Amino acid sequence: MELLDTFISERVNLEAKRGLCVRMYNQGIASSSICEILQISQQYVSKWTCKYKDLGISSLYSKYKGKPSFLSREEQREIIDFLVKKESYSLVELQIYIEEKYLVVFKSKQSYYDLLSAGGLSWHKTQKSNPKKDDVLVLEKREEIKKNWIQKGKRLKKKN
């Protein structure tokens, strides 16, 4: 039950929780019951019911708008276009390009990965064929495998 309560409390939207708190209070539900049901404190109930009475529904909205992006949407599109036009690319090359053109250096590589992903590209190195592949060795190995299967087949026939 405790695990379920933790799951619910971590995922319920703060604005919705505030609204439910105020609604339950206005319906005459005891504060202690509200606290138990929504996993909140008595102060939380008091704070949001008072704010709602004073300022109305607008007081329940979150004021947090998020952190502004280092790159505008247009700049992100330009970077994606740059990547799509290139025949090959590397993460380091992308980092240098963004730093030189937009004067932005991300702390985490995840931001670069997100740009590559937005362009439908992967940051994993890919190759059309195995660079270590040696056709002569492959043919020799195939012949060896065939011989082993033939010998194994002969042994199985003798046993039956």
N, C-alpha and C. Protein backbone atom coordinates (compact mmCIF):
# COMPACT_ATOMS: atom_id res chain seq x y z
N MET A 1 0.82 -1.20 0.00
CA MET A 1 0.00 0.00 0.00
C MET A 1 0.86 1.26 0.00
N GLU A 2 1.96 1.23 0.74
CA GLU A 2 2.85 2.38 0.82
C GLU A 2 3.47 2.67 -0.55
N LEU A 3 3.82 1.61 -1.28
CA LEU A 3 4.41 1.77 -2.60
C LEU A 3 3.40 2.43 -3.55
N LEU A 4 2.15 2.04 -3.45
CA LEU A 4 1.09 2.63 -4.27
C LEU A 4 0.90 4.10 -3.93
N ASP A 5 0.92 4.44 -2.65
CA ASP A 5 0.77 5.84 -2.24
C ASP A 5 1.91 6.70 -2.79
N THR A 6 3.12 6.18 -2.74
CA THR A 6 4.28 6.89 -3.27
C THR A 6 4.12 7.10 -4.77
N PHE A 7 3.70 6.05 -5.47
CA PHE A 7 3.48 6.12 -6.91
C PHE A 7 2.48 7.22 -7.26
N ILE A 8 1.37 7.26 -6.56
CA ILE A 8 0.32 8.25 -6.83
C ILE A 8 0.80 9.66 -6.50
N SER A 9 1.43 9.82 -5.35
CA SER A 9 1.84 11.16 -4.93
C SER A 9 2.90 11.75 -5.85
N GLU A 10 3.74 10.91 -6.46
CA GLU A 10 4.78 11.39 -7.35
C GLU A 10 4.24 11.76 -8.72
N ARG A 11 3.12 11.18 -9.12
CA ARG A 11 2.63 11.37 -10.47
C ARG A 11 1.42 12.29 -10.62
N VAL A 12 0.77 12.61 -9.54
CA VAL A 12 -0.39 13.48 -9.64
C VAL A 12 0.10 14.91 -9.89
N ASN A 13 -0.48 15.56 -10.86
CA ASN A 13 -0.15 16.93 -11.22
C ASN A 13 -0.42 17.84 -10.02
N LEU A 14 0.51 18.72 -9.75
CA LEU A 14 0.37 19.62 -8.60
C LEU A 14 -0.89 20.47 -8.69
N GLU A 15 -1.18 20.97 -9.89
CA GLU A 15 -2.37 21.80 -10.05
C GLU A 15 -3.64 20.99 -9.77
N ALA A 16 -3.67 19.76 -10.24
CA ALA A 16 -4.83 18.90 -10.01
C ALA A 16 -4.97 18.60 -8.52
N LYS A 17 -3.86 18.38 -7.86
CA LYS A 17 -3.88 18.10 -6.42
C LYS A 17 -4.41 19.31 -5.65
N ARG A 18 -4.00 20.49 -6.08
CA ARG A 18 -4.50 21.70 -5.44
C ARG A 18 -6.01 21.83 -5.63
N GLY A 19 -6.45 21.60 -6.87
CA GLY A 19 -7.87 21.68 -7.18
C GLY A 19 -8.69 20.67 -6.41
N LEU A 20 -8.20 19.43 -6.33
CA LEU A 20 -8.90 18.39 -5.57
C LEU A 20 -8.98 18.76 -4.10
N CYS A 21 -7.90 19.29 -3.58
CA CYS A 21 -7.84 19.70 -2.18
C CYS A 21 -8.93 20.74 -1.89
N VAL A 22 -8.99 21.78 -2.73
CA VAL A 22 -9.97 22.85 -2.54
C VAL A 22 -11.39 22.31 -2.72
N ARG A 23 -11.58 21.49 -3.73
CA ARG A 23 -12.91 20.93 -4.00
C ARG A 23 -13.42 20.09 -2.83
N MET A 24 -12.56 19.23 -2.34
CA MET A 24 -12.95 18.36 -1.22
C MET A 24 -13.26 19.20 0.02
N TYR A 25 -12.45 20.24 0.25
CA TYR A 25 -12.68 21.12 1.41
C TYR A 25 -14.02 21.84 1.28
N ASN A 26 -14.32 22.33 0.06
CA ASN A 26 -15.59 23.05 -0.17
C ASN A 26 -16.80 22.11 -0.09
N GLN A 27 -16.58 20.81 -0.30
CA GLN A 27 -17.66 19.84 -0.18
C GLN A 27 -17.90 19.43 1.27
N GLY A 28 -17.08 19.95 2.17
CA GLY A 28 -17.29 19.68 3.58
C GLY A 28 -16.52 18.49 4.12
N ILE A 29 -15.60 17.99 3.35
CA ILE A 29 -14.78 16.86 3.81
C ILE A 29 -13.76 17.39 4.82
N ALA A 30 -13.57 16.67 5.89
CA ALA A 30 -12.66 17.10 6.95
C ALA A 30 -11.22 17.19 6.43
N SER A 31 -10.51 18.20 6.92
CA SER A 31 -9.13 18.42 6.49
C SER A 31 -8.25 17.20 6.74
N SER A 32 -8.47 16.53 7.85
CA SER A 32 -7.66 15.34 8.16
C SER A 32 -7.89 14.24 7.12
N SER A 33 -9.13 14.11 6.65
CA SER A 33 -9.43 13.12 5.61
C SER A 33 -8.79 13.50 4.28
N ILE A 34 -8.83 14.79 3.97
CA ILE A 34 -8.21 15.27 2.73
C ILE A 34 -6.71 14.98 2.76
N CYS A 35 -6.09 15.26 3.90
CA CYS A 35 -4.65 15.01 4.06
C CYS A 35 -4.32 13.55 3.85
N GLU A 36 -5.14 12.69 4.40
CA GLU A 36 -4.90 11.25 4.29
C GLU A 36 -5.09 10.76 2.85
N ILE A 37 -6.15 11.22 2.22
CA ILE A 37 -6.47 10.76 0.85
C ILE A 37 -5.44 11.26 -0.16
N LEU A 38 -5.09 12.55 -0.09
CA LEU A 38 -4.19 13.14 -1.08
C LEU A 38 -2.72 13.09 -0.68
N GLN A 39 -2.44 12.56 0.52
CA GLN A 39 -1.07 12.47 1.02
C GLN A 39 -0.42 13.86 1.07
N ILE A 40 -1.12 14.79 1.72
CA ILE A 40 -0.63 16.15 1.86
C ILE A 40 -0.72 16.56 3.33
N SER A 41 -0.14 17.72 3.64
CA SER A 41 -0.15 18.20 5.03
C SER A 41 -1.35 19.11 5.28
N GLN A 42 -1.60 19.35 6.55
CA GLN A 42 -2.69 20.25 6.96
C GLN A 42 -2.41 21.67 6.44
N GLN A 43 -1.14 22.06 6.46
CA GLN A 43 -0.76 23.40 5.98
C GLN A 43 -1.06 23.54 4.49
N TYR A 44 -0.88 22.46 3.73
CA TYR A 44 -1.15 22.47 2.29
C TYR A 44 -2.64 22.77 2.06
N VAL A 45 -3.49 22.10 2.81
CA VAL A 45 -4.94 22.31 2.68
C VAL A 45 -5.27 23.76 3.00
N SER A 46 -4.75 24.26 4.10
CA SER A 46 -5.03 25.62 4.53
C SER A 46 -4.53 26.65 3.50
N LYS A 47 -3.32 26.45 3.04
CA LYS A 47 -2.71 27.39 2.09
C LYS A 47 -3.54 27.52 0.82
N TRP A 48 -3.90 26.40 0.21
CA TRP A 48 -4.56 26.47 -1.09
C TRP A 48 -6.04 26.82 -0.98
N THR A 49 -6.68 26.47 0.09
CA THR A 49 -8.07 26.89 0.25
C THR A 49 -8.14 28.41 0.48
N CYS A 50 -7.21 28.95 1.26
CA CYS A 50 -7.17 30.41 1.49
C CYS A 50 -6.85 31.15 0.20
N LYS A 51 -5.87 30.66 -0.55
CA LYS A 51 -5.51 31.32 -1.82
C LYS A 51 -6.69 31.29 -2.79
N TYR A 52 -7.39 30.17 -2.81
CA TYR A 52 -8.54 30.05 -3.72
C TYR A 52 -9.64 31.05 -3.33
N LYS A 53 -9.87 31.18 -2.03
CA LYS A 53 -10.90 32.13 -1.56
C LYS A 53 -10.53 33.56 -1.92
N ASP A 54 -9.23 33.89 -1.79
CA ASP A 54 -8.78 35.27 -2.04
C ASP A 54 -8.63 35.59 -3.52
N LEU A 55 -8.04 34.68 -4.29
CA LEU A 55 -7.66 34.99 -5.68
C LEU A 55 -8.42 34.22 -6.74
N GLY A 56 -9.17 33.22 -6.34
CA GLY A 56 -9.92 32.44 -7.32
C GLY A 56 -9.09 31.34 -7.96
N ILE A 57 -9.62 30.83 -9.07
CA ILE A 57 -9.02 29.66 -9.74
C ILE A 57 -7.60 29.92 -10.24
N SER A 58 -7.29 31.16 -10.60
CA SER A 58 -5.96 31.48 -11.12
C SER A 58 -4.86 31.20 -10.10
N SER A 59 -5.20 31.20 -8.82
CA SER A 59 -4.20 30.95 -7.78
C SER A 59 -3.72 29.50 -7.76
N LEU A 60 -4.50 28.60 -8.36
CA LEU A 60 -4.14 27.17 -8.32
C LEU A 60 -3.18 26.78 -9.44
N TYR A 61 -3.02 27.63 -10.44
CA TYR A 61 -2.11 27.33 -11.54
C TYR A 61 -0.66 27.46 -11.10
N SER A 62 0.18 26.61 -11.66
CA SER A 62 1.61 26.68 -11.37
C SER A 62 2.21 27.87 -12.10
N LYS A 63 3.06 28.59 -11.45
CA LYS A 63 3.70 29.76 -12.06
C LYS A 63 4.99 29.39 -12.78
N TYR A 64 5.45 28.16 -12.60
CA TYR A 64 6.70 27.73 -13.21
C TYR A 64 6.52 27.51 -14.70
N LYS A 65 7.33 28.16 -15.50
CA LYS A 65 7.22 28.06 -16.96
C LYS A 65 8.36 27.27 -17.58
N GLY A 66 9.28 26.80 -16.77
CA GLY A 66 10.40 26.04 -17.30
C GLY A 66 11.58 26.94 -17.62
N LYS A 67 12.70 26.32 -17.86
CA LYS A 67 13.92 27.04 -18.17
C LYS A 67 13.96 27.36 -19.66
N PRO A 68 14.33 28.57 -20.05
CA PRO A 68 14.38 28.88 -21.48
C PRO A 68 15.49 28.09 -22.16
N SER A 69 15.25 27.73 -23.40
CA SER A 69 16.21 26.94 -24.17
C SER A 69 17.39 27.82 -24.59
N PHE A 70 18.55 27.22 -24.70
CA PHE A 70 19.73 27.95 -25.16
C PHE A 70 19.62 28.26 -26.65
N LEU A 71 18.92 27.41 -27.36
CA LEU A 71 18.73 27.59 -28.80
C LEU A 71 17.26 27.82 -29.11
N SER A 72 16.98 28.77 -29.99
CA SER A 72 15.61 29.00 -30.41
C SER A 72 15.15 27.85 -31.30
N ARG A 73 13.87 27.77 -31.55
CA ARG A 73 13.34 26.70 -32.43
C ARG A 73 13.94 26.83 -33.83
N GLU A 74 14.10 28.06 -34.29
CA GLU A 74 14.68 28.29 -35.62
C GLU A 74 16.13 27.80 -35.67
N GLU A 75 16.89 28.09 -34.63
CA GLU A 75 18.28 27.63 -34.57
C GLU A 75 18.34 26.10 -34.53
N GLN A 76 17.44 25.48 -33.78
CA GLN A 76 17.39 24.02 -33.73
C GLN A 76 17.10 23.45 -35.11
N ARG A 77 16.16 24.07 -35.84
CA ARG A 77 15.84 23.62 -37.20
C ARG A 77 17.04 23.76 -38.12
N GLU A 78 17.78 24.86 -37.99
CA GLU A 78 18.99 25.07 -38.80
C GLU A 78 20.02 23.99 -38.54
N ILE A 79 20.19 23.63 -37.28
CA ILE A 79 21.15 22.58 -36.91
C ILE A 79 20.71 21.24 -37.50
N ILE A 80 19.43 20.93 -37.40
CA ILE A 80 18.92 19.67 -37.94
C ILE A 80 19.10 19.64 -39.45
N ASP A 81 18.82 20.76 -40.13
CA ASP A 81 19.03 20.84 -41.58
C ASP A 81 20.50 20.62 -41.92
N PHE A 82 21.39 21.22 -41.13
CA PHE A 82 22.83 21.04 -41.33
C PHE A 82 23.20 19.56 -41.22
N LEU A 83 22.66 18.88 -40.23
CA LEU A 83 22.97 17.47 -40.02
C LEU A 83 22.43 16.58 -41.14
N VAL A 84 21.20 16.86 -41.58
CA VAL A 84 20.56 16.03 -42.59
C VAL A 84 21.30 16.15 -43.93
N LYS A 85 21.84 17.33 -44.22
CA LYS A 85 22.54 17.54 -45.50
C LYS A 85 23.90 16.85 -45.54
N LYS A 86 24.47 16.59 -44.38
CA LYS A 86 25.79 15.98 -44.33
C LYS A 86 25.73 14.49 -44.62
N GLU A 87 26.76 13.99 -45.26
CA GLU A 87 26.81 12.56 -45.56
C GLU A 87 27.20 11.76 -44.32
N SER A 88 28.12 12.31 -43.54
CA SER A 88 28.51 11.67 -42.28
C SER A 88 28.71 12.76 -41.23
N TYR A 89 28.65 12.38 -39.99
CA TYR A 89 28.73 13.35 -38.91
C TYR A 89 29.27 12.66 -37.67
N SER A 90 29.74 13.46 -36.74
CA SER A 90 30.18 12.93 -35.46
C SER A 90 29.70 13.87 -34.36
N LEU A 91 29.65 13.36 -33.17
CA LEU A 91 29.20 14.16 -32.04
C LEU A 91 30.13 15.35 -31.81
N VAL A 92 31.41 15.12 -31.92
CA VAL A 92 32.40 16.19 -31.71
C VAL A 92 32.22 17.28 -32.76
N GLU A 93 31.99 16.85 -33.99
CA GLU A 93 31.77 17.81 -35.08
C GLU A 93 30.53 18.66 -34.80
N LEU A 94 29.47 18.04 -34.30
CA LEU A 94 28.25 18.75 -33.95
C LEU A 94 28.52 19.75 -32.82
N GLN A 95 29.26 19.33 -31.81
CA GLN A 95 29.59 20.20 -30.69
C GLN A 95 30.35 21.44 -31.18
N ILE A 96 31.31 21.23 -32.04
CA ILE A 96 32.13 22.34 -32.56
C ILE A 96 31.25 23.29 -33.40
N TYR A 97 30.40 22.71 -34.23
CA TYR A 97 29.52 23.51 -35.09
C TYR A 97 28.61 24.41 -34.25
N ILE A 98 27.99 23.85 -33.23
CA ILE A 98 27.07 24.62 -32.38
C ILE A 98 27.83 25.69 -31.59
N GLU A 99 29.00 25.34 -31.10
CA GLU A 99 29.78 26.31 -30.33
C GLU A 99 30.23 27.48 -31.20
N GLU A 100 30.70 27.19 -32.42
CA GLU A 100 31.20 28.24 -33.29
C GLU A 100 30.08 29.12 -33.84
N LYS A 101 28.97 28.51 -34.26
CA LYS A 101 27.91 29.27 -34.90
C LYS A 101 26.96 29.94 -33.91
N TYR A 102 26.65 29.27 -32.79
CA TYR A 102 25.65 29.80 -31.86
C TYR A 102 26.21 30.16 -30.49
N LEU A 103 27.50 29.93 -30.28
CA LEU A 103 28.17 30.23 -29.02
C LEU A 103 27.50 29.53 -27.84
N VAL A 104 27.10 28.27 -28.05
CA VAL A 104 26.43 27.48 -27.03
C VAL A 104 27.22 26.19 -26.80
N VAL A 105 27.49 25.90 -25.52
CA VAL A 105 28.12 24.64 -25.15
C VAL A 105 27.23 24.00 -24.09
N PHE A 106 26.71 22.82 -24.40
CA PHE A 106 25.84 22.12 -23.46
C PHE A 106 26.69 21.38 -22.44
N LYS A 107 26.23 21.35 -21.19
CA LYS A 107 26.93 20.62 -20.15
C LYS A 107 26.84 19.11 -20.37
N SER A 108 25.69 18.69 -20.84
CA SER A 108 25.43 17.26 -21.01
C SER A 108 25.40 16.90 -22.49
N LYS A 109 25.89 15.73 -22.81
CA LYS A 109 25.84 15.26 -24.19
C LYS A 109 24.41 14.96 -24.62
N GLN A 110 23.52 14.78 -23.65
CA GLN A 110 22.14 14.44 -23.96
C GLN A 110 21.49 15.49 -24.85
N SER A 111 21.86 16.76 -24.68
CA SER A 111 21.30 17.82 -25.52
C SER A 111 21.69 17.62 -26.98
N TYR A 112 22.92 17.19 -27.21
CA TYR A 112 23.37 16.91 -28.58
C TYR A 112 22.64 15.68 -29.13
N TYR A 113 22.50 14.67 -28.28
CA TYR A 113 21.79 13.46 -28.70
C TYR A 113 20.34 13.79 -29.08
N ASP A 114 19.72 14.69 -28.31
CA ASP A 114 18.34 15.08 -28.60
C ASP A 114 18.23 15.77 -29.96
N LEU A 115 19.21 16.61 -30.28
CA LEU A 115 19.22 17.27 -31.59
C LEU A 115 19.37 16.25 -32.71
N LEU A 116 20.27 15.30 -32.53
CA LEU A 116 20.46 14.25 -33.54
C LEU A 116 19.18 13.45 -33.70
N SER A 117 18.57 13.11 -32.60
CA SER A 117 17.34 12.32 -32.63
C SER A 117 16.22 13.09 -33.31
N ALA A 118 16.12 14.39 -33.06
CA ALA A 118 15.10 15.22 -33.69
C ALA A 118 15.26 15.25 -35.20
N GLY A 119 16.50 15.09 -35.66
CA GLY A 119 16.77 15.04 -37.09
C GLY A 119 16.63 13.65 -37.68
N GLY A 120 16.19 12.70 -36.85
CA GLY A 120 16.03 11.33 -37.33
C GLY A 120 17.36 10.62 -37.48
N LEU A 121 18.36 11.09 -36.77
CA LEU A 121 19.70 10.51 -36.87
C LEU A 121 20.07 9.83 -35.55
N SER A 122 21.06 8.96 -35.63
CA SER A 122 21.53 8.27 -34.44
C SER A 122 22.93 8.77 -34.11
N TRP A 123 23.25 8.79 -32.84
CA TRP A 123 24.59 9.20 -32.44
C TRP A 123 25.53 8.01 -32.36
N HIS A 124 24.99 6.82 -32.61
CA HIS A 124 25.84 5.63 -32.62
C HIS A 124 26.57 5.54 -33.94
N LYS A 125 27.83 5.19 -33.89
CA LYS A 125 28.62 5.09 -35.10
C LYS A 125 28.14 3.90 -35.92
N THR A 126 27.88 4.15 -37.20
CA THR A 126 27.43 3.07 -38.07
C THR A 126 28.39 2.91 -39.24
N GLN A 127 28.45 1.69 -39.76
CA GLN A 127 29.29 1.41 -40.91
C GLN A 127 28.51 0.50 -41.85
N LYS A 128 28.77 0.64 -43.14
CA LYS A 128 28.06 -0.18 -44.11
C LYS A 128 28.51 -1.63 -44.03
N SER A 129 29.75 -1.84 -43.71
CA SER A 129 30.24 -3.22 -43.60
C SER A 129 31.30 -3.30 -42.51
N ASN A 130 31.54 -4.50 -42.05
CA ASN A 130 32.52 -4.73 -41.00
C ASN A 130 33.91 -4.41 -41.55
N PRO A 131 34.63 -3.46 -40.95
CA PRO A 131 35.96 -3.10 -41.47
C PRO A 131 36.99 -4.22 -41.28
N LYS A 132 36.71 -5.14 -40.38
CA LYS A 132 37.64 -6.24 -40.12
C LYS A 132 37.36 -7.45 -40.99
N LYS A 133 36.34 -7.36 -41.83
CA LYS A 133 35.95 -8.50 -42.65
C LYS A 133 37.03 -8.82 -43.68
N ASP A 134 37.42 -10.09 -43.71
CA ASP A 134 38.38 -10.58 -44.68
C ASP A 134 37.70 -11.71 -45.44
N ASP A 135 37.41 -11.47 -46.73
CA ASP A 135 36.65 -12.43 -47.54
C ASP A 135 37.32 -13.81 -47.60
N VAL A 136 38.63 -13.84 -47.65
CA VAL A 136 39.36 -15.12 -47.71
C VAL A 136 39.13 -15.92 -46.43
N LEU A 137 39.24 -15.26 -45.29
CA LEU A 137 39.04 -15.94 -44.01
C LEU A 137 37.60 -16.40 -43.87
N VAL A 138 36.65 -15.62 -44.36
CA VAL A 138 35.24 -16.01 -44.29
C VAL A 138 35.00 -17.28 -45.09
N LEU A 139 35.54 -17.35 -46.30
CA LEU A 139 35.37 -18.55 -47.14
C LEU A 139 36.03 -19.77 -46.50
N GLU A 140 37.22 -19.59 -45.93
CA GLU A 140 37.90 -20.70 -45.25
C GLU A 140 37.06 -21.21 -44.08
N LYS A 141 36.50 -20.30 -43.30
CA LYS A 141 35.68 -20.67 -42.15
C LYS A 141 34.42 -21.42 -42.61
N ARG A 142 33.81 -20.98 -43.70
CA ARG A 142 32.63 -21.67 -44.23
C ARG A 142 32.95 -23.10 -44.62
N GLU A 143 34.08 -23.27 -45.29
CA GLU A 143 34.50 -24.62 -45.70
C GLU A 143 34.75 -25.51 -44.48
N GLU A 144 35.37 -24.95 -43.47
CA GLU A 144 35.64 -25.69 -42.23
C GLU A 144 34.33 -26.12 -41.57
N ILE A 145 33.37 -25.23 -41.55
CA ILE A 145 32.07 -25.55 -40.95
C ILE A 145 31.37 -26.65 -41.75
N LYS A 146 31.43 -26.57 -43.09
CA LYS A 146 30.81 -27.60 -43.93
C LYS A 146 31.43 -28.96 -43.66
N LYS A 147 32.75 -29.00 -43.56
CA LYS A 147 33.45 -30.27 -43.30
C LYS A 147 33.02 -30.85 -41.95
N ASN A 148 32.94 -29.98 -40.94
CA ASN A 148 32.53 -30.44 -39.62
C ASN A 148 31.12 -31.01 -39.64
N TRP A 149 30.21 -30.39 -40.38
CA TRP A 149 28.83 -30.88 -40.47
C TRP A 149 28.77 -32.21 -41.21
N ILE A 150 29.58 -32.33 -42.24
CA ILE A 150 29.60 -33.60 -43.00
C ILE A 150 30.11 -34.72 -42.10
N GLN A 151 31.18 -34.47 -41.35
CA GLN A 151 31.73 -35.48 -40.45
C GLN A 151 30.73 -35.83 -39.35
N LYS A 152 30.07 -34.84 -38.82
CA LYS A 152 29.09 -35.07 -37.77
C LYS A 152 27.92 -35.89 -38.32
N GLY A 153 27.48 -35.59 -39.56
CA GLY A 153 26.43 -36.35 -40.20
C GLY A 153 26.80 -37.82 -40.39
N LYS A 154 28.05 -38.09 -40.77
CA LYS A 154 28.52 -39.46 -40.96
C LYS A 154 28.52 -40.21 -39.63
N ARG A 155 28.96 -39.53 -38.57
CA ARG A 155 28.97 -40.18 -37.25
C ARG A 155 27.56 -40.52 -36.77
N LEU A 156 26.62 -39.61 -37.04
CA LEU A 156 25.22 -39.85 -36.64
C LEU A 156 24.62 -41.02 -37.41
N LYS A 157 24.97 -41.17 -38.68
CA LYS A 157 24.48 -42.30 -39.49
C LYS A 157 25.02 -43.61 -38.98
N LYS A 158 26.28 -43.61 -38.55
CA LYS A 158 26.90 -44.86 -38.03
C LYS A 158 26.20 -45.28 -36.74
N LYS A 159 25.83 -44.34 -35.89
CA LYS A 159 25.19 -44.66 -34.61
C LYS A 159 23.79 -45.23 -34.83
N ASN A 160 23.09 -44.78 -35.85
CA ASN A 160 21.72 -45.24 -36.11
C ASN A 160 21.79 -46.52 -36.84
